């Protein structure tokens, strides 16, 4: 889940960077004010195509082409990453919780090993070798 959140943060940061570059580009190339440049950037990146704020110069047209090619891909990447985080995170939580509850429900006649330090590892190894059911409780998640 942490990896998904990191990817989402990267996608949002990339999207914010693209919007900032697009806005700055229109302000520098076309000499527009911040609001007009931001509006043009957002309508371009979202492919709304509502209208151009002002007539574009040749340099502005070329900039817009590059913004469309690079920016639309960025927007799609950010949206797909966001959807992936939401769907996978929720699915993992739901199915992971069910799986854990089923394992807990099926547990009976088992031992509980408290701590997976030096002695906990030895005890767990012995129990596993004898095919005896056991659960390890420790501060950090472990796999046996």
N, C-alpha and C. Protein backbone atom coordinates (compact mmCIF):
# COMPACT_ATOMS: atom_id res chain seq x y z
N UNK A 1 0.83 -1.19 0.00
CA UNK A 1 0.00 0.00 0.00
C UNK A 1 0.87 1.25 0.00
N UNK A 2 2.01 1.16 0.71
CA UNK A 2 2.92 2.31 0.78
C UNK A 2 3.46 2.61 -0.62
N UNK A 3 3.75 1.55 -1.39
CA UNK A 3 4.25 1.73 -2.74
C UNK A 3 3.21 2.42 -3.62
N UNK A 4 1.95 2.05 -3.45
CA UNK A 4 0.88 2.68 -4.22
C UNK A 4 0.74 4.16 -3.87
N UNK A 5 0.87 4.47 -2.59
CA UNK A 5 0.78 5.87 -2.17
C UNK A 5 1.94 6.68 -2.74
N UNK A 6 3.12 6.08 -2.77
CA UNK A 6 4.29 6.77 -3.34
C UNK A 6 4.06 7.03 -4.84
N UNK A 7 3.51 6.06 -5.54
CA UNK A 7 3.23 6.24 -6.96
C UNK A 7 2.18 7.33 -7.18
N UNK A 8 1.17 7.36 -6.31
CA UNK A 8 0.14 8.39 -6.42
C UNK A 8 0.75 9.77 -6.18
N UNK A 9 1.59 9.89 -5.17
CA UNK A 9 2.26 11.16 -4.90
C UNK A 9 3.11 11.59 -6.10
N UNK A 10 3.83 10.65 -6.70
CA UNK A 10 4.65 10.97 -7.87
C UNK A 10 3.77 11.42 -9.04
N UNK A 11 2.65 10.77 -9.25
CA UNK A 11 1.76 11.14 -10.34
C UNK A 11 1.17 12.53 -10.12
N UNK A 12 0.77 12.83 -8.90
CA UNK A 12 0.21 14.15 -8.60
C UNK A 12 1.29 15.22 -8.74
N UNK A 13 2.50 14.92 -8.27
CA UNK A 13 3.61 15.87 -8.41
C UNK A 13 3.94 16.12 -9.88
N UNK A 14 3.93 15.07 -10.68
CA UNK A 14 4.19 15.22 -12.11
C UNK A 14 3.11 16.05 -12.78
N UNK A 15 1.87 15.83 -12.38
CA UNK A 15 0.76 16.59 -12.92
C UNK A 15 0.87 18.07 -12.53
N UNK A 16 1.19 18.32 -11.27
CA UNK A 16 1.36 19.71 -10.80
C UNK A 16 2.51 20.38 -11.53
N UNK A 17 3.59 19.64 -11.76
CA UNK A 17 4.73 20.18 -12.50
C UNK A 17 4.33 20.53 -13.94
N UNK A 18 3.56 19.67 -14.57
CA UNK A 18 3.11 19.92 -15.94
C UNK A 18 2.21 21.15 -16.00
N UNK A 19 1.30 21.28 -15.05
CA UNK A 19 0.42 22.46 -15.01
C UNK A 19 1.24 23.72 -14.78
N UNK A 20 2.21 23.65 -13.88
CA UNK A 20 3.07 24.81 -13.61
C UNK A 20 3.89 25.19 -14.83
N UNK A 21 4.44 24.21 -15.52
CA UNK A 21 5.23 24.49 -16.73
C UNK A 21 4.35 25.07 -17.83
N UNK A 22 3.16 24.51 -18.00
CA UNK A 22 2.24 25.02 -19.02
C UNK A 22 1.84 26.45 -18.73
N UNK A 23 1.51 26.71 -17.48
CA UNK A 23 1.11 28.07 -17.09
C UNK A 23 2.25 29.05 -17.29
N UNK A 24 3.43 28.67 -16.83
CA UNK A 24 4.61 29.54 -17.00
C UNK A 24 4.93 29.74 -18.47
N UNK A 25 4.76 28.68 -19.26
CA UNK A 25 5.04 28.78 -20.70
C UNK A 25 4.15 29.80 -21.38
N UNK A 26 2.87 29.75 -21.10
CA UNK A 26 1.95 30.72 -21.70
C UNK A 26 2.23 32.14 -21.20
N UNK A 27 2.59 32.25 -19.94
CA UNK A 27 2.90 33.58 -19.40
C UNK A 27 4.14 34.16 -20.07
N UNK A 28 5.14 33.33 -20.31
CA UNK A 28 6.38 33.80 -20.91
C UNK A 28 6.23 33.98 -22.42
N UNK A 29 5.72 32.97 -23.10
CA UNK A 29 5.64 33.01 -24.57
C UNK A 29 4.58 34.00 -25.06
N UNK A 30 3.41 33.97 -24.45
CA UNK A 30 2.31 34.79 -24.92
C UNK A 30 2.15 36.10 -24.13
N UNK A 31 2.79 36.17 -22.97
CA UNK A 31 2.67 37.37 -22.14
C UNK A 31 1.31 37.49 -21.45
N UNK A 32 0.65 36.36 -21.22
CA UNK A 32 -0.66 36.36 -20.60
C UNK A 32 -0.54 36.49 -19.09
N UNK A 33 -1.63 36.89 -18.44
CA UNK A 33 -1.63 36.91 -16.98
C UNK A 33 -1.79 35.49 -16.45
N UNK A 34 -1.59 35.32 -15.15
CA UNK A 34 -1.59 33.98 -14.54
C UNK A 34 -2.90 33.23 -14.78
N UNK A 35 -4.03 33.88 -14.55
CA UNK A 35 -5.32 33.21 -14.66
C UNK A 35 -5.59 32.73 -16.09
N UNK A 36 -5.31 33.58 -17.08
CA UNK A 36 -5.51 33.18 -18.48
C UNK A 36 -4.59 32.01 -18.84
N UNK A 37 -3.34 32.08 -18.39
CA UNK A 37 -2.37 31.02 -18.70
C UNK A 37 -2.78 29.71 -18.02
N UNK A 38 -3.23 29.79 -16.78
CA UNK A 38 -3.67 28.59 -16.07
C UNK A 38 -4.91 27.99 -16.74
N UNK A 39 -5.85 28.83 -17.09
CA UNK A 39 -7.07 28.37 -17.76
C UNK A 39 -6.74 27.66 -19.08
N UNK A 40 -5.87 28.26 -19.87
CA UNK A 40 -5.49 27.66 -21.15
C UNK A 40 -4.77 26.32 -20.92
N UNK A 41 -3.94 26.26 -19.91
CA UNK A 41 -3.22 25.02 -19.60
C UNK A 41 -4.20 23.92 -19.19
N UNK A 42 -5.12 24.24 -18.32
CA UNK A 42 -6.09 23.23 -17.84
C UNK A 42 -6.99 22.76 -18.98
N UNK A 43 -7.49 23.67 -19.80
CA UNK A 43 -8.35 23.25 -20.91
C UNK A 43 -7.56 22.43 -21.93
N UNK A 44 -6.29 22.71 -22.08
CA UNK A 44 -5.46 21.94 -23.01
C UNK A 44 -5.20 20.55 -22.44
N UNK A 45 -4.81 20.47 -21.17
CA UNK A 45 -4.47 19.17 -20.58
C UNK A 45 -5.68 18.26 -20.42
N UNK A 46 -6.83 18.83 -20.18
CA UNK A 46 -8.03 18.00 -20.03
C UNK A 46 -8.71 17.72 -21.36
N UNK A 47 -8.15 18.21 -22.43
CA UNK A 47 -8.66 18.05 -23.80
C UNK A 47 -10.07 18.56 -23.96
N UNK A 48 -10.45 19.53 -23.15
CA UNK A 48 -11.79 20.11 -23.26
C UNK A 48 -11.90 20.89 -24.56
N UNK A 49 -10.87 21.69 -24.85
CA UNK A 49 -10.89 22.46 -26.08
C UNK A 49 -12.01 23.48 -26.11
N UNK A 50 -12.38 24.02 -24.98
CA UNK A 50 -13.50 24.94 -24.89
C UNK A 50 -13.27 26.17 -25.77
N UNK A 51 -12.20 26.88 -25.52
CA UNK A 51 -11.85 28.01 -26.37
C UNK A 51 -10.47 28.49 -25.98
N UNK A 52 -9.84 29.20 -26.88
CA UNK A 52 -8.56 29.81 -26.55
C UNK A 52 -8.85 31.16 -25.91
N UNK A 53 -8.09 31.47 -24.90
CA UNK A 53 -8.29 32.73 -24.18
C UNK A 53 -8.00 33.91 -25.10
N UNK A 54 -6.90 33.84 -25.80
CA UNK A 54 -6.48 34.85 -26.77
C UNK A 54 -5.94 34.13 -27.99
N UNK A 55 -5.78 34.86 -29.06
CA UNK A 55 -5.14 34.28 -30.24
C UNK A 55 -3.73 33.84 -29.89
N UNK A 56 -3.33 32.71 -30.44
CA UNK A 56 -1.99 32.19 -30.18
C UNK A 56 -1.03 32.62 -31.28
N UNK A 57 0.20 32.94 -30.89
CA UNK A 57 1.25 33.21 -31.87
C UNK A 57 1.76 31.86 -32.38
N UNK A 58 2.64 31.90 -33.36
CA UNK A 58 3.21 30.65 -33.89
C UNK A 58 3.96 29.90 -32.79
N UNK A 59 4.71 30.63 -31.98
CA UNK A 59 5.43 30.00 -30.87
C UNK A 59 4.43 29.42 -29.85
N UNK A 60 3.32 30.11 -29.64
CA UNK A 60 2.30 29.62 -28.73
C UNK A 60 1.64 28.35 -29.24
N UNK A 61 1.43 28.29 -30.54
CA UNK A 61 0.85 27.09 -31.15
C UNK A 61 1.80 25.90 -30.99
N UNK A 62 3.07 26.12 -31.24
CA UNK A 62 4.07 25.05 -31.09
C UNK A 62 4.13 24.60 -29.63
N UNK A 63 4.12 25.57 -28.71
CA UNK A 63 4.13 25.23 -27.29
C UNK A 63 2.90 24.41 -26.92
N UNK A 64 1.76 24.78 -27.44
CA UNK A 64 0.52 24.07 -27.16
C UNK A 64 0.59 22.64 -27.67
N UNK A 65 1.17 22.44 -28.83
CA UNK A 65 1.32 21.09 -29.38
C UNK A 65 2.15 20.23 -28.43
N UNK A 66 3.29 20.78 -27.96
CA UNK A 66 4.12 20.02 -27.03
C UNK A 66 3.40 19.78 -25.70
N UNK A 67 2.65 20.76 -25.26
CA UNK A 67 1.89 20.62 -24.02
C UNK A 67 0.83 19.52 -24.16
N UNK A 68 0.18 19.46 -25.30
CA UNK A 68 -0.82 18.41 -25.53
C UNK A 68 -0.16 17.04 -25.54
N UNK A 69 0.91 16.90 -26.30
CA UNK A 69 1.57 15.60 -26.42
C UNK A 69 2.10 15.13 -25.07
N UNK A 70 2.80 15.99 -24.36
CA UNK A 70 3.36 15.59 -23.07
C UNK A 70 2.35 15.63 -21.93
N UNK A 71 1.49 16.62 -21.95
CA UNK A 71 0.59 16.82 -20.83
C UNK A 71 -0.58 15.87 -20.78
N UNK A 72 -1.16 15.54 -21.89
CA UNK A 72 -2.31 14.63 -21.89
C UNK A 72 -1.88 13.25 -21.40
N UNK A 73 -0.71 12.82 -21.82
CA UNK A 73 -0.18 11.55 -21.31
C UNK A 73 0.02 11.60 -19.81
N UNK A 74 0.50 12.72 -19.33
CA UNK A 74 0.70 12.89 -17.89
C UNK A 74 -0.62 12.84 -17.14
N UNK A 75 -1.64 13.51 -17.66
CA UNK A 75 -2.96 13.50 -17.03
C UNK A 75 -3.52 12.08 -17.01
N UNK A 76 -3.42 11.37 -18.11
CA UNK A 76 -3.93 9.99 -18.16
C UNK A 76 -3.17 9.09 -17.18
N UNK A 77 -1.86 9.28 -17.09
CA UNK A 77 -1.05 8.50 -16.15
C UNK A 77 -1.49 8.79 -14.71
N UNK A 78 -1.69 10.06 -14.39
CA UNK A 78 -2.10 10.44 -13.04
C UNK A 78 -3.48 9.86 -12.71
N UNK A 79 -4.40 9.93 -13.65
CA UNK A 79 -5.75 9.38 -13.41
C UNK A 79 -5.72 7.87 -13.25
N UNK A 80 -4.96 7.19 -14.09
CA UNK A 80 -4.90 5.72 -13.98
C UNK A 80 -4.21 5.30 -12.69
N UNK A 81 -3.19 6.04 -12.28
CA UNK A 81 -2.52 5.73 -11.02
C UNK A 81 -3.46 5.95 -9.85
N UNK A 82 -4.22 7.05 -9.89
CA UNK A 82 -5.19 7.31 -8.84
C UNK A 82 -6.25 6.22 -8.76
N UNK A 83 -6.75 5.80 -9.90
CA UNK A 83 -7.75 4.72 -9.91
C UNK A 83 -7.15 3.42 -9.39
N UNK A 84 -5.91 3.17 -9.77
CA UNK A 84 -5.23 1.94 -9.31
C UNK A 84 -5.06 1.95 -7.80
N UNK A 85 -4.67 3.09 -7.25
CA UNK A 85 -4.49 3.19 -5.80
C UNK A 85 -5.81 2.94 -5.08
N UNK A 86 -6.86 3.56 -5.59
CA UNK A 86 -8.17 3.41 -4.95
C UNK A 86 -8.65 1.97 -5.05
N UNK A 87 -8.62 1.41 -6.26
CA UNK A 87 -9.15 0.05 -6.45
C UNK A 87 -8.30 -1.00 -5.77
N UNK A 88 -6.99 -0.98 -6.00
CA UNK A 88 -6.13 -2.00 -5.40
C UNK A 88 -6.08 -1.87 -3.89
N UNK A 89 -6.04 -0.65 -3.41
CA UNK A 89 -6.00 -0.45 -1.97
C UNK A 89 -7.25 -0.98 -1.31
N UNK A 90 -8.40 -0.68 -1.87
CA UNK A 90 -9.65 -1.16 -1.29
C UNK A 90 -9.78 -2.67 -1.43
N UNK A 91 -9.40 -3.19 -2.60
CA UNK A 91 -9.50 -4.63 -2.79
C UNK A 91 -8.57 -5.38 -1.86
N UNK A 92 -7.35 -4.88 -1.73
CA UNK A 92 -6.40 -5.54 -0.83
C UNK A 92 -6.90 -5.50 0.60
N UNK A 93 -7.46 -4.39 0.98
CA UNK A 93 -7.96 -4.26 2.35
C UNK A 93 -9.11 -5.22 2.59
N UNK A 94 -10.06 -5.28 1.65
CA UNK A 94 -11.23 -6.14 1.82
C UNK A 94 -10.81 -7.60 1.81
N UNK A 95 -10.07 -8.03 0.78
CA UNK A 95 -9.72 -9.44 0.68
C UNK A 95 -8.66 -9.83 1.70
N UNK A 96 -7.75 -8.93 2.00
CA UNK A 96 -6.74 -9.22 3.02
C UNK A 96 -7.39 -9.41 4.37
N UNK A 97 -8.36 -8.58 4.69
CA UNK A 97 -9.07 -8.68 5.96
C UNK A 97 -9.85 -9.98 6.03
N UNK A 98 -10.55 -10.33 4.94
CA UNK A 98 -11.31 -11.59 4.92
C UNK A 98 -10.40 -12.80 5.09
N UNK A 99 -9.27 -12.75 4.40
CA UNK A 99 -8.33 -13.86 4.47
C UNK A 99 -7.79 -14.02 5.89
N UNK A 100 -7.46 -12.88 6.51
CA UNK A 100 -6.97 -12.91 7.89
C UNK A 100 -8.04 -13.42 8.84
N UNK A 101 -9.26 -12.95 8.67
CA UNK A 101 -10.36 -13.39 9.54
C UNK A 101 -10.61 -14.89 9.38
N UNK A 102 -10.51 -15.39 8.15
CA UNK A 102 -10.70 -16.82 7.91
C UNK A 102 -9.59 -17.62 8.59
N UNK A 103 -8.35 -17.13 8.47
CA UNK A 103 -7.25 -17.83 9.13
C UNK A 103 -7.44 -17.85 10.64
N UNK A 104 -7.85 -16.74 11.19
CA UNK A 104 -8.07 -16.65 12.64
C UNK A 104 -9.20 -17.58 13.06
N UNK A 105 -10.27 -17.60 12.26
CA UNK A 105 -11.43 -18.43 12.56
C UNK A 105 -11.07 -19.91 12.53
N UNK A 106 -10.19 -20.30 11.61
CA UNK A 106 -9.80 -21.70 11.47
C UNK A 106 -8.76 -22.14 12.50
N UNK A 107 -8.22 -21.20 13.27
CA UNK A 107 -7.20 -21.56 14.25
C UNK A 107 -7.83 -22.13 15.52
N UNK A 108 -7.35 -23.28 15.93
CA UNK A 108 -7.71 -23.85 17.22
C UNK A 108 -6.62 -24.87 17.55
N UNK A 109 -6.49 -25.17 18.81
CA UNK A 109 -5.43 -26.09 19.26
C UNK A 109 -4.07 -25.67 18.70
N UNK A 110 -3.68 -24.46 18.99
CA UNK A 110 -2.42 -23.93 18.47
C UNK A 110 -1.63 -23.26 19.60
N UNK A 111 -0.36 -23.01 19.32
CA UNK A 111 0.49 -22.32 20.27
C UNK A 111 0.67 -20.88 19.82
N UNK A 112 0.93 -20.02 20.79
CA UNK A 112 1.20 -18.62 20.49
C UNK A 112 2.63 -18.33 20.95
N UNK A 113 3.46 -17.90 20.02
CA UNK A 113 4.85 -17.54 20.32
C UNK A 113 4.90 -16.02 20.41
N UNK A 114 5.25 -15.52 21.58
CA UNK A 114 5.32 -14.07 21.79
C UNK A 114 6.74 -13.60 21.56
N UNK A 115 6.94 -12.87 20.47
CA UNK A 115 8.26 -12.34 20.13
C UNK A 115 9.00 -13.27 19.19
N UNK A 116 9.65 -12.70 18.22
CA UNK A 116 10.40 -13.48 17.24
C UNK A 116 11.88 -13.11 17.31
N UNK A 117 12.36 -13.07 18.54
CA UNK A 117 13.79 -12.83 18.75
C UNK A 117 14.54 -14.14 18.63
N UNK A 118 15.64 -14.25 19.38
CA UNK A 118 16.48 -15.45 19.32
C UNK A 118 15.69 -16.70 19.72
N UNK A 119 15.02 -16.65 20.85
CA UNK A 119 14.26 -17.82 21.33
C UNK A 119 13.01 -18.06 20.48
N UNK A 120 12.33 -17.00 20.09
CA UNK A 120 11.14 -17.14 19.27
C UNK A 120 11.42 -17.84 17.96
N UNK A 121 12.56 -17.55 17.36
CA UNK A 121 12.95 -18.20 16.10
C UNK A 121 13.20 -19.69 16.31
N UNK A 122 13.88 -20.01 17.41
CA UNK A 122 14.18 -21.42 17.70
C UNK A 122 12.89 -22.19 17.94
N UNK A 123 12.01 -21.63 18.77
CA UNK A 123 10.74 -22.30 19.07
C UNK A 123 9.90 -22.45 17.81
N UNK A 124 9.84 -21.41 17.00
CA UNK A 124 9.05 -21.46 15.77
C UNK A 124 9.59 -22.52 14.82
N UNK A 125 10.90 -22.60 14.73
CA UNK A 125 11.53 -23.60 13.85
C UNK A 125 11.17 -25.02 14.31
N UNK A 126 11.19 -25.24 15.62
CA UNK A 126 10.85 -26.56 16.16
C UNK A 126 9.38 -26.89 15.91
N UNK A 127 8.51 -25.93 16.17
CA UNK A 127 7.08 -26.16 15.95
C UNK A 127 6.78 -26.44 14.48
N UNK A 128 7.43 -25.69 13.60
CA UNK A 128 7.22 -25.89 12.16
C UNK A 128 7.71 -27.27 11.74
N UNK A 129 8.86 -27.69 12.27
CA UNK A 129 9.41 -29.01 11.93
C UNK A 129 8.48 -30.13 12.37
N UNK A 130 7.76 -29.92 13.46
CA UNK A 130 6.83 -30.93 13.97
C UNK A 130 5.42 -30.77 13.38
N UNK A 131 5.23 -29.80 12.47
CA UNK A 131 3.94 -29.53 11.83
C UNK A 131 2.86 -29.21 12.87
N UNK A 132 3.26 -28.43 13.87
CA UNK A 132 2.33 -28.00 14.93
C UNK A 132 1.88 -26.59 14.59
N UNK A 133 0.58 -26.34 14.72
CA UNK A 133 0.04 -25.01 14.43
C UNK A 133 0.52 -24.01 15.48
N UNK A 134 0.94 -22.84 14.99
CA UNK A 134 1.36 -21.80 15.91
C UNK A 134 1.21 -20.43 15.26
N UNK A 135 1.16 -19.41 16.11
CA UNK A 135 1.06 -18.03 15.67
C UNK A 135 2.16 -17.27 16.38
N UNK A 136 2.84 -16.39 15.63
CA UNK A 136 3.89 -15.56 16.21
C UNK A 136 3.36 -14.14 16.34
N UNK A 137 3.54 -13.56 17.51
CA UNK A 137 3.16 -12.17 17.74
C UNK A 137 4.46 -11.40 17.95
N UNK A 138 4.67 -10.38 17.13
CA UNK A 138 5.88 -9.58 17.22
C UNK A 138 5.57 -8.14 16.83
N UNK A 139 6.48 -7.24 17.16
CA UNK A 139 6.28 -5.82 16.83
C UNK A 139 6.31 -5.57 15.33
N UNK A 140 7.14 -6.31 14.63
CA UNK A 140 7.26 -6.12 13.17
C UNK A 140 6.70 -7.33 12.45
N UNK A 141 6.07 -7.11 11.29
CA UNK A 141 5.53 -8.24 10.52
C UNK A 141 6.67 -9.18 10.08
N UNK A 142 6.44 -10.46 10.16
CA UNK A 142 7.44 -11.45 9.76
C UNK A 142 6.77 -12.52 8.91
N UNK A 143 7.60 -13.23 8.17
CA UNK A 143 7.12 -14.39 7.41
C UNK A 143 7.95 -15.58 7.82
N UNK A 144 7.28 -16.67 8.09
CA UNK A 144 7.99 -17.88 8.53
C UNK A 144 7.90 -18.93 7.45
